[in-house]
Amino acid sequence: VATYKEALQLLQANKTVFGRSYDSSVKKIQQTMVGIELNSELQAATRAESKQNPQQALAHYKKAKRVLQAAGGVVPNDQETIAVQKKITAKIKTLGGEVSLIKKKAWLDKNYERIFKAAYPASRSSELSQPTISLVKEEGGREIYKLTCSEKSKGSSYRLELQYQYT
């Protein structure tokens, strides 16, 4: 990409020398640069997905989308470009949902003791451990989670369970 940027600078500095071929040469170089940047981001996103890292993959897909948007009139608006844009948009939507779910589950995992102690006042002096969190259903933009944990109190162990609405 750096070499292509240098070529653009060279073209701009010698615009009069290149005459009629200037515009087409600039456009071809710009298209190549966009293609390289886009391909690099898509490959990085694919690697992140294969490593089970949806946050990183999402960031790369978003950057790929910005690259295409910034390209404007440089990239042809043909079937291939439209297909790539649709793929990127679909991936952003899917991974955005996954990342949101991961963040919500992390928050619930971090705050499960507070949630259980508010729901089960008798457990306030007990030791809570082994939380499990699962999404039960989504309803009208709200998510219902099933939370369970173990409660140790006075030598006995109990299993606590509740449904929590994440809004």
Protein backbone atom coordinates (compact mmCIF):
# COMPACT_ATOMS: atom_id res chain seq x y z
CA VAL A 1 0.00 0.00 0.00
CA ALA A 2 2.86 2.35 0.81
CA THR A 3 4.32 1.80 -2.67
CA TYR A 4 0.97 2.57 -4.25
CA LYS A 5 0.71 5.76 -2.20
CA GLU A 6 4.14 6.76 -3.49
CA ALA A 7 2.97 6.05 -7.04
CA LEU A 8 -0.03 8.32 -6.49
CA GLN A 9 2.21 11.08 -5.22
CA LEU A 10 4.47 10.64 -8.24
CA LEU A 11 1.48 10.84 -10.57
CA GLN A 12 0.16 13.95 -8.86
CA ALA A 13 3.58 15.62 -8.96
CA ASN A 14 3.87 14.91 -12.69
CA LYS A 15 0.24 15.31 -13.67
CA THR A 16 1.00 17.30 -16.80
CA VAL A 17 3.51 14.73 -18.06
CA PHE A 18 0.96 11.91 -17.95
CA GLY A 19 -1.74 13.88 -19.72
CA ARG A 20 -4.86 11.88 -20.58
CA SER A 21 -3.75 8.71 -18.84
CA TYR A 22 -3.51 10.52 -15.48
CA ASP A 23 -7.15 10.03 -14.40
CA SER A 24 -7.37 6.36 -15.36
CA SER A 25 -3.98 5.62 -13.78
CA VAL A 26 -4.98 7.28 -10.51
CA LYS A 27 -8.28 5.39 -10.44
CA LYS A 28 -6.58 2.04 -11.09
CA ILE A 29 -4.05 2.64 -8.32
CA GLN A 30 -6.79 3.71 -5.91
CA GLN A 31 -8.83 0.61 -6.76
CA THR A 32 -5.79 -1.58 -6.11
CA MET A 33 -5.18 0.09 -2.75
CA VAL A 34 -8.80 -0.38 -1.70
CA GLY A 35 -8.67 -4.01 -2.80
CA ILE A 36 -5.52 -4.64 -0.78
CA GLU A 37 -6.90 -2.98 2.35
CA LEU A 38 -10.25 -4.73 2.01
CA ASN A 39 -8.68 -8.13 1.44
CA SER A 40 -6.36 -7.62 4.40
CA GLU A 41 -9.26 -6.80 6.73
CA LEU A 42 -11.38 -9.69 5.47
CA GLN A 43 -8.51 -12.13 5.95
CA ALA A 44 -7.88 -10.81 9.46
CA ALA A 45 -11.60 -11.17 10.25
CA THR A 46 -11.60 -14.75 8.99
CA ARG A 47 -8.53 -15.57 11.11
CA ALA A 48 -10.20 -14.06 14.18
CA GLU A 49 -13.35 -16.10 13.53
CA SER A 50 -11.32 -19.30 13.21
CA LYS A 51 -9.69 -18.48 16.55
CA GLN A 52 -13.15 -18.07 18.12
CA ASN A 53 -12.63 -14.34 18.72
CA PRO A 54 -15.87 -12.64 17.63
CA GLN A 55 -14.90 -9.24 19.09
CA GLN A 56 -11.77 -9.03 16.98
CA ALA A 57 -13.56 -10.38 13.90
CA LEU A 58 -16.30 -7.78 14.34
CA ALA A 59 -13.72 -4.99 14.52
CA HIS A 60 -12.11 -6.17 11.25
CA TYR A 61 -15.47 -6.43 9.44
CA LYS A 62 -16.38 -2.94 10.61
CA LYS A 63 -13.04 -1.63 9.34
CA ALA A 64 -13.63 -3.40 6.01
CA LYS A 65 -17.00 -1.68 5.77
CA ARG A 66 -15.36 1.69 6.44
CA VAL A 67 -12.76 0.98 3.74
CA LEU A 68 -15.53 0.33 1.20
CA GLN A 69 -17.49 3.39 2.29
CA ALA A 70 -14.42 5.62 2.11
CA ALA A 71 -13.64 4.27 -1.38
CA GLY A 72 -16.76 5.96 -2.70
CA GLY A 73 -16.53 6.29 -6.48
CA VAL A 74 -13.22 4.44 -6.68
CA VAL A 75 -14.74 0.97 -6.38
CA PRO A 76 -17.15 -0.05 -9.13
CA ASN A 77 -20.73 -0.62 -8.00
CA ASP A 78 -20.96 -4.03 -9.66
CA GLN A 79 -22.46 -7.36 -8.53
CA GLU A 80 -19.22 -8.48 -6.90
CA THR A 81 -18.89 -5.33 -4.81
CA ILE A 82 -22.55 -5.49 -3.80
CA ALA A 83 -22.13 -9.14 -2.76
CA VAL A 84 -19.07 -8.27 -0.65
CA GLN A 85 -20.95 -5.40 0.99
CA LYS A 86 -23.89 -7.69 1.80
CA LYS A 87 -21.56 -10.33 3.25
CA ILE A 88 -19.81 -7.75 5.43
CA THR A 89 -23.13 -6.30 6.63
CA ALA A 90 -24.47 -9.77 7.48
CA LYS A 91 -21.28 -10.67 9.36
CA ILE A 92 -21.42 -7.41 11.33
CA LYS A 93 -25.01 -8.11 12.32
CA THR A 94 -24.32 -11.74 13.33
CA LEU A 95 -21.09 -11.02 15.18
CA GLY A 96 -22.61 -7.92 16.80
CA GLY A 97 -25.26 -10.16 18.35
CA GLU A 98 -22.64 -12.66 19.51
CA VAL A 99 -20.45 -9.95 21.04
CA SER A 100 -23.46 -8.41 22.78
CA LEU A 101 -24.40 -11.78 24.24
CA ILE A 102 -20.81 -12.38 25.41
CA LYS A 103 -20.72 -8.98 27.14
CA LYS A 104 -24.07 -9.53 28.83
CA LYS A 105 -23.06 -12.98 30.06
CA ALA A 106 -19.77 -11.55 31.36
CA TRP A 107 -21.68 -8.87 33.25
CA LEU A 108 -24.05 -11.45 34.73
CA ASP A 109 -21.12 -13.67 35.70
CA LYS A 110 -19.42 -10.73 37.40
CA ASN A 111 -22.59 -9.64 39.24
CA TYR A 112 -24.26 -12.99 39.97
CA GLU A 113 -23.67 -12.78 43.74
CA ARG A 114 -25.39 -9.40 43.99
CA ILE A 115 -28.30 -10.66 41.86
CA PHE A 116 -28.79 -13.83 43.90
CA LYS A 117 -28.44 -12.11 47.25
CA ALA A 118 -31.10 -9.60 46.21
CA ALA A 119 -33.43 -12.39 45.05
CA TYR A 120 -32.68 -14.72 47.98
CA PRO A 121 -32.20 -12.55 51.10
CA ALA A 122 -31.48 -15.64 53.25
CA SER A 123 -28.34 -16.28 51.18
CA ARG A 124 -26.68 -12.98 52.14
CA SER A 125 -24.39 -14.62 54.68
CA SER A 126 -23.75 -17.70 52.52
CA GLU A 127 -20.93 -18.43 50.13
CA LEU A 128 -22.09 -18.49 46.50
CA SER A 129 -20.06 -20.20 43.77
CA GLN A 130 -20.17 -22.02 40.42
CA PRO A 131 -22.47 -19.69 38.51
CA THR A 132 -23.95 -20.88 35.23
CA ILE A 133 -25.72 -18.58 32.83
CA SER A 134 -27.79 -19.48 29.80
CA LEU A 135 -30.05 -17.50 27.52
CA VAL A 136 -33.61 -18.81 27.77
CA LYS A 137 -35.37 -16.55 25.28
CA GLU A 138 -35.51 -13.15 23.68
CA GLU A 139 -38.78 -11.33 23.86
CA GLY A 140 -39.49 -7.88 22.51
CA GLY A 141 -35.90 -6.67 22.80
CA ARG A 142 -35.56 -8.14 26.29
CA GLU A 143 -33.53 -11.20 27.11
CA ILE A 144 -34.38 -13.76 29.78
CA TYR A 145 -31.47 -15.68 31.30
CA LYS A 146 -31.47 -18.68 33.59
CA LEU A 147 -28.92 -18.26 36.36
CA THR A 148 -27.89 -21.00 38.76
CA CYS A 149 -25.27 -21.19 41.46
CA SER A 150 -24.28 -23.21 44.48
CA GLU A 151 -24.88 -21.90 47.98
CA LYS A 152 -22.86 -23.17 50.92
CA SER A 153 -24.39 -22.42 54.26
CA LYS A 154 -23.65 -24.05 57.62
CA GLY A 155 -22.03 -27.12 56.05
CA SER A 156 -24.84 -27.75 53.58
CA SER A 157 -24.84 -27.08 49.86
CA TYR A 158 -27.88 -25.88 47.94
CA ARG A 159 -28.55 -25.07 44.32
CA LEU A 160 -30.14 -21.68 43.68
CA GLU A 161 -31.87 -20.89 40.42
CA LEU A 162 -33.60 -17.85 39.02
CA GLN A 163 -34.64 -16.23 35.79
CA TYR A 164 -33.22 -12.79 35.16
CA GLN A 165 -34.44 -10.27 32.65
CA TYR A 166 -31.60 -8.31 31.08
CA THR A 167 -32.87 -4.99 29.72
